[in-house]
Amino acid sequence: MKRLLVIDDEPGLRLMVRAVMEDAGWEVEEAGSGEDAIAFLTQDTVSVVLLDMRMPGMNGNEALARIQDIRPSLPVIMLTAYGTVGSAVEAMKRGAFDYLSKPADNEELVAVLEKAYEYGRLLNENENLRRKLAAGDPAERLVGSSPAMLRVLELIRQAGPSEATVLVMGESGTGKELIAEALHEASPRAAHALVKVNCAALPGNLLESELFGYVKGAFTGAVKDKPGRFQLARGGTLFLDEIGEMPVELQAKLLRALQERVVEPLGAVRPVDVDARIIAATNRNLREAVDKGEFREDLFFRLNVLEIVSPALRQRPDDIPLLVSRLLDKLSKKNRKDVRTVSPDFMQALMAYHWPGNVRELENVLERALILSRSETLGVESLPAQFASIVETGGMAHSVDAAVFAPPQSDVFLRPVRSRPKTLDDAERLALVDALEAQGGHRERTADALGISRRTLQYKLRKYGLTKRG
C-alpha cells in the first residue's frame, strides 16, 4: 500500500492533500509539525513524505535532516510557498527528492508523488539486494527476479547437486561464467577446485596441452611433467568456456575423456584417470554448428545433458535496477567514488536501451558515468551518445552527447525531433506537440482543448522538455 505522510501546520492543506491522494489510492497520515512527524517516523513507516518548508518550531530543512537520519532512503517532497523556491532547491541539494509550489495542482501533486514512490521502491529493492549479497548465497550473485532469471536459478538449484554435464548457452556478457560458478558451489564438489579454460583464447595445440597435460620430453621445451586442467580439477568442476571455438580435431579427444573418464597427456604411455564434472558454455548456436560440420554431433549430445540458457539483458529489463545496485557498489569501490544512486530518468534510459553487449556493456556504461559524475547520484547527462535518442524520446529534458532538438517552431515551445512513440509518455508528449501546433502555441486554448488546467499544461510542458530554454 502506498502511504504518504503530510507534514504541514495548515489543517486545510492537509485535508486537501488527503482528499486528492486517497482518491488516487493512497493511504494518508498527517503531522502538524516537524516534531510530531519525527515521533511518527520513529514508530511507523510510509512510502513518501510531503514536507512544508515553513512551520513554527522545527522548520522544513531541520525536519528533512532528521528524516534522513531516521529513514535515509525515504523520498521527501518539499512544499513551498511563493518566495521560498530557492530554499526548496537548496533542500534538494541536501537530499530532498523534489518540490511543489503552493497551491499544488492536483494532477501535478499525484504525478510527483507517484514518481517519488517509484524511486523509493527502487532504493528499497537495492537495499534488499545488498542484504541478500551479504548473506553469501552463491546463486544470489546471479541478480534478477524476472521470470527468465527465476528459471535459470531454479535449474541451478535442481542441477547443482547432480553430476550431470551442463551446457550453458547465451550471448556474450550474459553471465554464463557466473552460472557455472553457482552450479559448482551448489554441488557436493564445492570444497574442491573450479578450474576454468577459455577454449577461444588458445590455439589448438596449446589448448590440447592445457586440457590434458604433458610429460617430460613430450616436445622441445617440456622439461618436466605438467598436469592438465582435467587433472587439476580432480574432485571438482572443469568449466570449458567458449566450447564452440574448440577445433574439430580436438573435440574427439575431449569426447573420449568425457565417455571413459580418462585423459592421455601428450607423450604419456598410459591414460590417467580423471574425476571432474564438466560444465561447458558457448555464445554460438551449437545445433547450427553441428549442421555445418563445425561441431561434433556426438560431443554436442554428450555435453547437452542439461541445457541452461542465460537470457539477454534486453529480455529481462526489470532486473536492471538490481544489477545497477550491485555494479555501483563494486565500481564505486574500484574507482574510489561515493556514488550509490541514479536518477529516475537515468534508470528509465537504462531500461529502455536494447543492450547488445548485455551485462558487460551495462557495467561499462555505469563505470563511464560514475567517472564523469560530479555528484553522488548519476544523471542522464553522464550517459554515452548511444542513449541520446532514448533520452530525447523518453521525455527527459536533459541533454546527452548527441541529443539535439530541431529549431523552435514557435516562440512558445521547442518542437522536438519527431519519432514513433514507444511508450505512453512518448504518445502524451507528441499529443502535446500536436495540440500546441493546432492552437498556434496559445497555452490557454491548448489547455482548454485538452480538458486540463493551464497549470497542469505548464507542468507537462516542463516534464517533457517542451518549454523554451533560456
Protein backbone atom coordinates (compact mmCIF):
# COMPACT_ATOMS: atom_id res chain seq x y z
CA MET A 1 0.00 0.00 0.00
CA LYS A 2 1.31 3.46 -0.91
CA ARG A 3 1.47 5.58 2.27
CA LEU A 4 2.00 9.33 2.40
CA LEU A 5 2.92 11.44 5.43
CA VAL A 6 1.84 15.09 5.04
CA ILE A 7 3.74 17.45 7.36
CA ASP A 8 2.18 20.94 7.42
CA ASP A 9 0.86 23.26 10.11
CA GLU A 10 -2.20 24.18 7.99
CA PRO A 11 -5.07 21.72 8.64
CA GLY A 12 -6.88 22.85 5.47
CA LEU A 13 -3.92 21.94 3.26
CA ARG A 14 -3.54 18.56 4.95
CA LEU A 15 -7.24 17.90 4.37
CA MET A 16 -6.95 18.84 0.68
CA VAL A 17 -3.94 16.57 0.14
CA ARG A 18 -5.68 13.71 1.95
CA ALA A 19 -8.74 14.00 -0.31
CA VAL A 20 -6.68 14.07 -3.51
CA MET A 21 -4.31 11.25 -2.60
CA GLU A 22 -6.95 8.94 -1.14
CA ASP A 23 -8.85 9.30 -4.42
CA ALA A 24 -5.61 8.21 -6.12
CA GLY A 25 -5.47 5.06 -3.98
CA TRP A 26 -3.02 6.22 -1.31
CA GLU A 27 -3.22 5.90 2.47
CA VAL A 28 -2.51 9.30 4.07
CA GLU A 29 -1.07 10.12 7.50
CA GLU A 30 -0.82 13.67 8.88
CA ALA A 31 1.53 15.60 11.17
CA GLY A 32 1.04 19.23 12.15
CA SER A 33 4.69 19.87 13.00
CA GLY A 34 8.18 18.56 12.35
CA GLU A 35 8.39 17.29 15.90
CA ASP A 36 5.20 15.24 15.50
CA ALA A 37 6.44 13.86 12.18
CA ILE A 38 9.75 12.69 13.65
CA ALA A 39 7.93 10.99 16.51
CA PHE A 40 5.66 9.22 13.99
CA LEU A 41 8.53 8.07 11.77
CA THR A 42 10.42 6.53 14.68
CA GLN A 43 7.45 4.22 15.18
CA ASP A 44 5.92 3.72 11.72
CA THR A 45 6.82 3.69 8.03
CA VAL A 46 5.49 5.49 4.96
CA SER A 47 6.34 5.48 1.26
CA VAL A 48 6.75 9.24 0.68
CA VAL A 49 6.82 12.42 2.79
CA LEU A 50 5.30 15.76 1.74
CA LEU A 51 7.04 18.38 3.91
CA ASP A 52 6.22 22.10 4.27
CA MET A 53 9.23 24.40 4.19
CA ARG A 54 7.91 26.97 6.71
CA MET A 55 6.46 25.77 10.00
CA PRO A 56 6.66 27.03 13.56
CA GLY A 57 9.21 25.23 15.67
CA MET A 58 11.21 22.77 13.57
CA ASN A 59 11.37 24.14 10.02
CA GLY A 60 11.43 22.12 6.81
CA ASN A 61 15.19 21.92 6.46
CA GLU A 62 15.62 20.78 10.05
CA ALA A 63 12.88 18.18 9.64
CA LEU A 64 14.47 16.98 6.39
CA ALA A 65 17.79 16.37 8.14
CA ARG A 66 16.10 14.41 10.94
CA ILE A 67 14.07 12.34 8.47
CA GLN A 68 17.23 11.45 6.55
CA ASP A 69 18.83 10.27 9.77
CA ILE A 70 15.85 8.03 10.57
CA ARG A 71 14.92 6.84 7.04
CA PRO A 72 17.81 7.58 4.63
CA SER A 73 16.02 6.12 1.58
CA LEU A 74 12.63 7.79 2.20
CA PRO A 75 11.76 10.24 -0.63
CA VAL A 76 10.83 13.71 0.67
CA ILE A 77 8.92 16.28 -1.42
CA MET A 78 9.30 19.88 -0.20
CA LEU A 79 6.15 22.04 -0.25
CA THR A 80 6.92 25.72 -0.80
CA ALA A 81 5.04 28.99 -0.74
CA TYR A 82 5.77 31.90 -3.07
CA GLY A 83 9.26 33.27 -2.47
CA THR A 84 10.72 30.10 -0.94
CA VAL A 85 11.55 28.20 -4.13
CA GLY A 86 15.22 29.00 -3.65
CA SER A 87 15.11 27.32 -0.24
CA ALA A 88 13.43 24.27 -1.79
CA VAL A 89 16.17 23.98 -4.41
CA GLU A 90 18.73 24.17 -1.63
CA ALA A 91 16.85 21.41 0.20
CA MET A 92 17.06 19.24 -2.94
CA LYS A 93 20.82 19.65 -2.85
CA ARG A 94 20.66 18.25 0.69
CA GLY A 95 18.70 15.19 -0.42
CA ALA A 96 15.05 16.15 -0.99
CA PHE A 97 13.57 14.31 -3.97
CA ASP A 98 11.61 17.23 -5.48
CA TYR A 99 9.49 20.25 -4.55
CA LEU A 100 6.00 21.58 -5.26
CA SER A 101 4.73 25.16 -5.04
CA LYS A 102 1.57 26.07 -3.13
CA PRO A 103 -1.18 25.77 -4.15
CA ALA A 104 -0.24 22.47 -5.79
CA ASP A 105 -2.23 21.40 -8.83
CA ASN A 106 -3.97 18.10 -8.08
CA GLU A 107 -2.65 16.27 -11.14
CA GLU A 108 0.85 17.58 -10.58
CA LEU A 109 0.69 16.53 -6.91
CA VAL A 110 -0.29 12.97 -7.81
CA ALA A 111 2.29 12.73 -10.60
CA VAL A 112 5.21 13.91 -8.46
CA LEU A 113 4.27 11.69 -5.52
CA GLU A 114 3.88 8.65 -7.79
CA LYS A 115 7.33 9.30 -9.24
CA ALA A 116 8.79 9.63 -5.74
CA TYR A 117 7.11 6.37 -4.72
CA GLU A 118 8.70 4.51 -7.64
CA TYR A 119 12.09 5.95 -6.77
CA GLY A 120 11.73 4.90 -3.13
CA ARG A 121 10.66 1.42 -4.19
CA LEU A 122 13.81 1.16 -6.30
CA LEU A 123 16.01 2.17 -3.37
CA ASN A 124 14.32 -0.42 -1.14
CA GLU A 125 14.86 -3.14 -3.75
CA ASN A 126 18.52 -2.18 -3.92
CA GLU A 127 18.85 -2.40 -0.15
CA ASN A 128 17.20 -5.82 -0.15
CA LEU A 129 19.69 -6.89 -2.80
CA ARG A 130 22.63 -5.76 -0.68
CA ARG A 131 21.33 -7.82 2.23
CA LYS A 132 20.98 -10.88 0.01
CA LEU A 133 24.53 -10.48 -1.28
CA ALA A 134 25.83 -10.09 2.26
CA ALA A 135 24.16 -13.38 3.19
CA GLY A 136 26.58 -15.18 0.88
CA ASP A 137 24.19 -17.37 -1.14
CA PRO A 138 26.18 -18.15 -4.33
CA ALA A 139 23.07 -18.08 -6.51
CA GLU A 140 22.31 -14.53 -5.34
CA ARG A 141 25.26 -13.30 -7.39
CA LEU A 142 23.04 -14.01 -10.38
CA VAL A 143 21.00 -10.89 -9.84
CA GLY A 144 17.41 -10.86 -11.02
CA SER A 145 13.82 -11.67 -10.21
CA SER A 146 12.44 -11.74 -13.77
CA PRO A 147 10.78 -14.95 -14.99
CA ALA A 148 13.78 -15.69 -17.23
CA MET A 149 16.24 -15.42 -14.35
CA LEU A 150 14.00 -17.32 -11.97
CA ARG A 151 14.03 -20.22 -14.47
CA VAL A 152 17.83 -20.12 -14.52
CA LEU A 153 18.04 -20.08 -10.72
CA GLU A 154 15.62 -22.97 -10.44
CA LEU A 155 17.67 -25.04 -12.90
CA ILE A 156 20.81 -24.27 -10.90
CA ARG A 157 19.14 -25.43 -7.70
CA GLN A 158 17.96 -28.62 -9.38
CA ALA A 159 21.12 -29.42 -11.33
CA GLY A 160 23.72 -28.17 -8.86
CA PRO A 161 23.74 -31.22 -6.56
CA SER A 162 23.88 -33.64 -9.51
CA GLU A 163 26.82 -34.94 -11.51
CA ALA A 164 25.18 -34.09 -14.85
CA THR A 165 27.16 -32.33 -17.55
CA VAL A 166 25.65 -28.90 -18.19
CA LEU A 167 25.76 -26.79 -21.33
CA VAL A 168 25.24 -23.05 -20.68
CA MET A 169 24.19 -21.11 -23.77
CA GLY A 170 23.75 -17.39 -24.22
CA GLU A 171 25.09 -14.22 -25.76
CA SER A 172 28.40 -12.74 -24.68
CA GLY A 173 28.17 -10.75 -21.49
CA THR A 174 25.10 -12.52 -20.05
CA GLY A 175 26.84 -14.15 -17.08
CA LYS A 176 27.47 -17.69 -18.28
CA GLU A 177 30.55 -17.95 -16.09
CA LEU A 178 28.52 -16.88 -13.06
CA ILE A 179 26.08 -19.70 -13.79
CA ALA A 180 28.97 -22.17 -13.90
CA GLU A 181 30.26 -20.84 -10.55
CA ALA A 182 26.81 -21.13 -8.99
CA LEU A 183 26.44 -24.72 -10.27
CA HIS A 184 29.81 -25.64 -8.79
CA GLU A 185 29.11 -24.01 -5.44
CA ALA A 186 25.71 -25.70 -5.22
CA SER A 187 27.30 -29.13 -5.77
CA PRO A 188 28.96 -31.64 -3.43
CA ARG A 189 32.20 -30.73 -5.26
CA ALA A 190 32.19 -27.16 -3.92
CA ALA A 191 35.03 -27.93 -1.50
CA HIS A 192 37.30 -28.71 -4.46
CA ALA A 193 38.54 -26.53 -7.30
CA LEU A 194 36.56 -24.93 -10.10
CA VAL A 195 39.06 -24.93 -12.96
CA LYS A 196 38.34 -22.67 -15.94
CA VAL A 197 39.56 -22.93 -19.52
CA ASN A 198 38.74 -20.45 -22.29
CA CYS A 199 38.75 -22.57 -25.42
CA ALA A 200 38.81 -19.49 -27.67
CA ALA A 201 41.91 -18.00 -26.07
CA LEU A 202 44.43 -20.67 -27.14
CA PRO A 203 45.34 -22.26 -30.49
CA GLY A 204 44.57 -25.96 -30.83
CA ASN A 205 47.97 -27.39 -29.88
CA LEU A 206 48.29 -25.26 -26.76
CA LEU A 207 44.68 -25.92 -25.78
CA GLU A 208 45.33 -29.68 -26.00
CA SER A 209 48.29 -29.47 -23.64
CA GLU A 210 46.34 -27.20 -21.27
CA LEU A 211 43.44 -29.62 -21.09
CA PHE A 212 45.25 -32.95 -21.00
CA GLY A 213 48.77 -32.04 -19.82
CA TYR A 214 52.07 -33.48 -20.99
CA VAL A 215 55.02 -35.44 -19.69
CA LYS A 216 58.67 -34.50 -19.62
CA GLY A 217 60.26 -34.80 -23.07
CA ALA A 218 56.94 -34.82 -24.95
CA PHE A 219 58.20 -31.92 -27.09
CA THR A 220 61.02 -29.41 -27.15
CA GLY A 221 60.77 -27.32 -24.01
CA ALA A 222 58.85 -29.91 -21.99
CA VAL A 223 61.44 -30.09 -19.20
CA LYS A 224 59.06 -31.52 -16.61
CA ASP A 225 55.65 -33.11 -16.32
CA LYS A 226 52.72 -30.73 -16.42
CA PRO A 227 49.26 -31.86 -15.29
CA GLY A 228 46.36 -30.75 -17.48
CA ARG A 229 43.25 -28.89 -16.37
CA PHE A 230 41.33 -32.18 -16.20
CA GLN A 231 43.78 -33.40 -13.58
CA LEU A 232 43.82 -30.10 -11.70
CA ALA A 233 40.02 -30.29 -11.44
CA ARG A 234 40.10 -33.71 -9.74
CA GLY A 235 37.19 -33.90 -7.31
CA GLY A 236 35.90 -30.56 -8.54
CA THR A 237 34.49 -28.97 -11.70
CA LEU A 238 36.04 -28.19 -15.08
CA PHE A 239 34.47 -25.20 -16.84
CA LEU A 240 35.04 -25.18 -20.61
CA ASP A 241 34.16 -21.65 -21.72
CA GLU A 242 33.54 -20.89 -25.42
CA ILE A 243 33.42 -24.62 -26.18
CA GLY A 244 32.06 -23.82 -29.65
CA GLU A 245 35.50 -22.48 -30.64
CA MET A 246 37.33 -25.75 -29.94
CA PRO A 247 38.96 -27.18 -33.10
CA VAL A 248 37.13 -30.19 -34.52
CA GLU A 249 40.23 -32.42 -34.31
CA LEU A 250 40.45 -31.80 -30.56
CA GLN A 251 36.76 -32.48 -29.98
CA ALA A 252 37.28 -36.25 -30.48
CA LYS A 253 39.83 -36.36 -27.67
CA LEU A 254 37.51 -34.39 -25.39
CA LEU A 255 34.66 -36.78 -26.19
CA ARG A 256 36.78 -39.77 -25.14
CA ALA A 257 37.69 -38.04 -21.90
CA LEU A 258 34.02 -37.45 -21.11
CA GLN A 259 32.96 -41.01 -22.01
CA GLU A 260 35.79 -43.00 -20.46
CA ARG A 261 36.78 -40.62 -17.65
CA VAL A 262 40.44 -40.77 -18.67
CA VAL A 263 42.86 -38.42 -20.45
CA GLU A 264 46.11 -39.09 -22.27
CA PRO A 265 48.74 -36.42 -21.55
CA LEU A 266 50.98 -35.63 -24.51
CA GLY A 267 53.86 -38.10 -24.62
CA ALA A 268 52.36 -40.41 -21.99
CA VAL A 269 52.33 -44.18 -22.47
CA ARG A 270 49.22 -44.83 -20.40
CA PRO A 271 45.99 -42.88 -19.74
CA VAL A 272 45.30 -41.05 -16.50
CA ASP A 273 42.02 -41.37 -14.63
CA VAL A 274 40.16 -38.12 -14.08
CA ASP A 275 37.28 -37.15 -11.82
CA ALA A 276 35.83 -33.81 -12.81
CA ARG A 277 32.33 -32.63 -13.50
CA ILE A 278 32.07 -30.79 -16.83
CA ILE A 279 30.25 -27.52 -17.39
CA ALA A 280 30.58 -26.01 -20.86
CA ALA A 281 29.45 -22.64 -22.19
CA THR A 282 29.10 -21.05 -25.60
CA ASN A 283 27.68 -17.98 -27.30
CA ARG A 284 27.26 -19.93 -30.55
CA ASN A 285 24.26 -21.93 -31.70
CA LEU A 286 25.83 -25.37 -31.44
CA ARG A 287 22.93 -27.02 -33.26
CA GLU A 288 23.69 -24.89 -36.30
CA ALA A 289 27.41 -25.63 -35.87
CA VAL A 290 26.61 -29.36 -35.91
CA ASP A 291 24.60 -28.96 -39.12
CA LYS A 292 27.54 -27.15 -40.72
CA GLY A 293 30.02 -29.81 -39.64
CA GLU A 294 31.82 -27.38 -37.33
CA PHE A 295 30.98 -29.25 -34.14
CA ARG A 296 30.69 -32.98 -33.50
CA GLU A 297 27.13 -34.14 -33.00
CA ASP A 298 28.11 -36.86 -30.52
CA LEU A 299 30.04 -34.35 -28.42
CA PHE A 300 27.12 -31.92 -28.51
CA PHE A 301 24.74 -34.53 -27.08
CA ARG A 302 27.34 -35.58 -24.51
CA LEU A 303 27.67 -32.01 -23.29
CA ASN A 304 23.98 -31.15 -23.54
CA VAL A 305 22.66 -33.45 -20.81
CA LEU A 306 21.14 -30.37 -19.25
CA GLU A 307 20.88 -27.04 -21.06
CA ILE A 308 20.67 -23.68 -19.32
CA VAL A 309 20.03 -20.58 -21.43
CA SER A 310 21.40 -17.37 -19.95
CA PRO A 311 18.91 -14.66 -21.02
CA ALA A 312 19.99 -11.48 -22.75
CA LEU A 313 19.60 -8.29 -20.71
CA ARG A 314 17.02 -6.89 -23.15
CA GLN A 315 14.85 -9.92 -22.29
CA ARG A 316 14.80 -9.01 -18.58
CA PRO A 317 14.77 -5.20 -18.23
CA ASP A 318 13.06 -5.43 -14.82
CA ASP A 319 16.31 -6.84 -13.44
CA ILE A 320 18.30 -3.74 -14.41
CA PRO A 321 17.69 -1.81 -11.13
CA LEU A 322 19.07 -4.72 -9.10
CA LEU A 323 22.06 -5.08 -11.41
CA VAL A 324 22.73 -1.35 -11.20
CA SER A 325 22.77 -1.51 -7.41
CA ARG A 326 25.27 -4.34 -7.33
CA LEU A 327 27.51 -2.89 -10.03
CA LEU A 328 27.53 0.60 -8.48
CA ASP A 329 28.73 -0.85 -5.19
CA LYS A 330 31.58 -2.61 -6.93
CA LEU A 331 32.51 0.25 -9.26
CA SER A 332 32.37 2.88 -6.51
CA LYS A 333 34.94 0.95 -4.50
CA LYS A 334 37.08 0.30 -7.57
CA ASN A 335 37.16 3.97 -8.62
CA ARG A 336 37.14 5.37 -5.06
CA LYS A 337 33.99 7.41 -5.65
CA ASP A 338 30.96 7.63 -3.39
CA VAL A 339 28.19 7.10 -5.95
CA ARG A 340 25.34 4.89 -4.75
CA THR A 341 22.20 6.00 -6.58
CA VAL A 342 20.95 7.03 -10.01
CA SER A 343 18.25 9.48 -11.01
CA PRO A 344 14.84 8.14 -12.13
CA ASP A 345 15.49 9.44 -15.67
CA PHE A 346 18.87 7.68 -15.74
CA MET A 347 17.22 4.41 -14.72
CA GLN A 348 14.43 4.90 -17.26
CA ALA A 349 17.02 5.31 -20.03
CA LEU A 350 18.87 2.16 -18.96
CA MET A 351 15.65 0.14 -19.01
CA ALA A 352 14.69 1.42 -22.47
CA TYR A 353 18.05 0.58 -24.09
CA HIS A 354 18.48 -2.65 -26.10
CA TRP A 355 21.88 -3.71 -24.57
CA PRO A 356 23.67 -5.55 -27.38
CA GLY A 357 26.60 -6.08 -25.01
CA ASN A 358 24.37 -7.28 -22.15
CA VAL A 359 25.52 -7.01 -18.52
CA ARG A 360 29.12 -6.39 -19.56
CA GLU A 361 28.01 -3.33 -21.52
CA LEU A 362 25.86 -2.17 -18.59
CA GLU A 363 28.91 -2.31 -16.34
CA ASN A 364 30.94 -0.28 -18.84
CA VAL A 365 28.20 2.36 -19.13
CA LEU A 366 27.91 2.65 -15.35
CA GLU A 367 31.66 2.94 -14.88
CA ARG A 368 31.88 5.69 -17.51
CA ALA A 369 29.00 7.57 -15.91
CA LEU A 370 30.45 7.16 -12.44
CA ILE A 371 33.83 8.52 -13.51
CA LEU A 372 32.23 11.55 -15.21
CA SER A 373 29.73 12.29 -12.44
CA ARG A 374 30.32 15.14 -10.03
CA SER A 375 27.54 14.19 -7.63
CA GLU A 376 26.50 11.18 -5.59
CA THR A 377 23.62 10.48 -7.98
CA LEU A 378 24.16 9.57 -11.64
CA GLY A 379 22.13 11.65 -14.11
CA VAL A 380 21.38 11.22 -17.82
CA GLU A 381 23.95 13.87 -18.75
CA SER A 382 26.66 11.28 -17.98
CA LEU A 383 25.27 8.66 -20.40
CA PRO A 384 27.15 7.97 -23.68
CA ALA A 385 25.97 9.02 -27.12
CA GLN A 386 24.04 5.84 -27.93
CA PHE A 387 21.45 6.85 -25.31
CA ALA A 388 20.70 10.22 -26.91
CA SER A 389 17.57 9.18 -28.80
CA ILE A 390 16.21 7.32 -25.77
CA VAL A 391 16.67 10.34 -23.53
CA GLU A 392 15.00 12.63 -26.08
CA THR A 393 12.06 10.41 -26.95
CA GLY A 394 11.64 9.28 -23.37
CA GLY A 395 10.56 12.76 -22.36
CA MET A 396 13.70 13.64 -20.43
CA ALA A 397 14.60 17.31 -20.51
CA HIS A 398 18.35 16.79 -20.06
CA SER A 399 20.75 16.55 -22.98
CA VAL A 400 23.44 13.93 -23.51
CA ASP A 401 26.22 13.91 -26.09
CA ALA A 402 24.27 13.68 -29.36
CA ALA A 403 20.80 14.58 -28.03
CA VAL A 404 19.58 17.51 -30.10
CA PHE A 405 16.36 19.40 -30.76
CA ALA A 406 15.07 20.79 -34.03
CA PRO A 407 14.81 24.59 -34.32
CA PRO A 408 11.81 26.08 -32.47
CA GLN A 409 8.59 26.08 -34.47
CA SER A 410 7.18 28.97 -32.42
CA ASP A 411 8.25 31.32 -29.67
CA VAL A 412 6.29 29.36 -27.10
CA PHE A 413 7.78 25.89 -27.12
CA LEU A 414 10.57 23.83 -28.62
CA ARG A 415 9.39 21.19 -31.03
CA PRO A 416 11.47 18.03 -30.65
CA VAL A 417 12.57 15.79 -33.48
CA ARG A 418 9.55 13.55 -34.05
CA SER A 419 9.92 9.82 -33.65
CA ARG A 420 7.46 6.96 -33.39
CA PRO A 421 6.12 6.74 -29.81
CA LYS A 422 7.28 3.68 -27.88
CA THR A 423 5.65 4.38 -24.51
CA LEU A 424 2.59 6.14 -23.10
CA ASP A 425 4.84 9.06 -22.15
CA ASP A 426 6.04 9.29 -25.76
CA ALA A 427 2.44 9.36 -27.01
CA GLU A 428 1.41 12.03 -24.49
CA ARG A 429 4.40 14.15 -25.42
CA LEU A 430 3.59 14.05 -29.11
CA ALA A 431 -0.08 14.78 -28.36
CA LEU A 432 1.00 17.93 -26.52
CA VAL A 433 3.10 18.99 -29.50
CA ASP A 434 0.19 18.45 -31.90
CA ALA A 435 -2.24 20.33 -29.63
CA LEU A 436 0.10 23.30 -29.27
CA GLU A 437 0.60 23.43 -33.03
CA ALA A 438 -3.15 23.26 -33.63
CA GLN A 439 -3.70 26.22 -31.25
CA GLY A 440 -0.84 28.24 -32.67
CA GLY A 441 1.17 27.85 -29.47
CA HIS A 442 -1.51 29.55 -27.33
CA ARG A 443 -1.40 27.83 -23.94
CA GLU A 444 -4.84 28.72 -22.58
CA ARG A 445 -6.58 27.47 -25.72
CA THR A 446 -4.38 24.35 -25.71
CA ALA A 447 -5.28 23.60 -22.10
CA ASP A 448 -9.00 24.07 -22.88
CA ALA A 449 -8.74 21.84 -25.95
CA LEU A 450 -7.09 19.10 -23.90
CA GLY A 451 -9.52 19.48 -21.00
CA ILE A 452 -6.81 20.25 -18.42
CA SER A 453 -5.88 23.29 -16.37
CA ARG A 454 -3.24 25.72 -17.57
CA ARG A 455 -1.14 24.83 -14.55
CA THR A 456 -1.28 21.14 -15.49
CA LEU A 457 -0.34 22.01 -19.05
CA GLN A 458 2.63 24.00 -17.80
CA TYR A 459 3.73 21.08 -15.64
CA LYS A 460 3.52 18.65 -18.56
CA LEU A 461 5.43 21.03 -20.83
CA ARG A 462 8.21 21.16 -18.25
CA LYS A 463 8.05 17.41 -17.77
CA TYR A 464 8.59 16.70 -21.45
CA GLY A 465 11.13 19.46 -22.08
CA LEU A 466 8.81 21.47 -24.32
CA THR A 467 9.28 24.86 -22.68
CA LYS A 468 11.60 27.46 -24.05
CA ARG A 469 15.17 27.12 -22.82
CA GLY A 470 16.78 30.37 -21.84
